[in-house]
Amino acid sequence: MTSRIRFSRASDVFEAFPGLRMFTARPPEGVDPASYVRHLLAGPRPKQALTMLAYTLPRREAVWWGRRCLAAMLGPVGEDACARLAEDWVRAPEDETRRAALELGASGDPSSPTTWLALAVGRSGGSVSAPDQKPIPAPPQACAQAVAGALAIAVSQRPPTEIRAWIEACVKGGLAFAEGRDLKISAPGAKEQRV
């Protein structure tokens, strides 16, 4: 198995994305990213594990993980144009698809998790300005922030008794994927979805 984790230490994630400190405490030196995500998941604020994992994965993998989590959590409601564009981009990361996702996300409902998934694609690289404007590069953290936001919104829309179980399902599936295995989201009370 080949790891998809792009950092050797959790502290390296914080070096690459200093703004991550707004969402979770910096880990001790020498802790690997997967171990730190597991530590956060076991703690009192498990949503931090979602955020840390979104920053730990490469952009394309983070979007795919977010897409699969939203599909499991939202069911048919999550199968909209934003989600389809995100999946299209993961399968073939072309700039035309990225720009279409950026435009759709920018005009979408900010309370919708799939809007944020489209914004994650749109902010995954390239320019975030209009095609006829001077190029403005996407900030390095923008894709991870949008994936984490999409997941946080989706989780918060679940019944309170299901929130922790959904966070655990997404994080555990994401960690297995990050460590090189297939992406499986085991929804609470349902069979695994394997992709």
Foldseek 3Di string as FASTA:
>chain_A
DAFQFPDQALQVLCVLPVVLCVLDPRDDPPHGLLVVLVVCLPDPNNLNSLLSLLSRGQLLLLLVLLLVLCCLLPPPVSPDPLSVLSVVCSVPVDVVSLQVLLVDLVPDDPLALSSLSSNLSVLNWWFSDPPVDDGDIRPNCSNSVSSSSSVVSSLVPDPPVQSSVSSVQSSVQSSCVSGPHWRWRDGVPDHIDTD
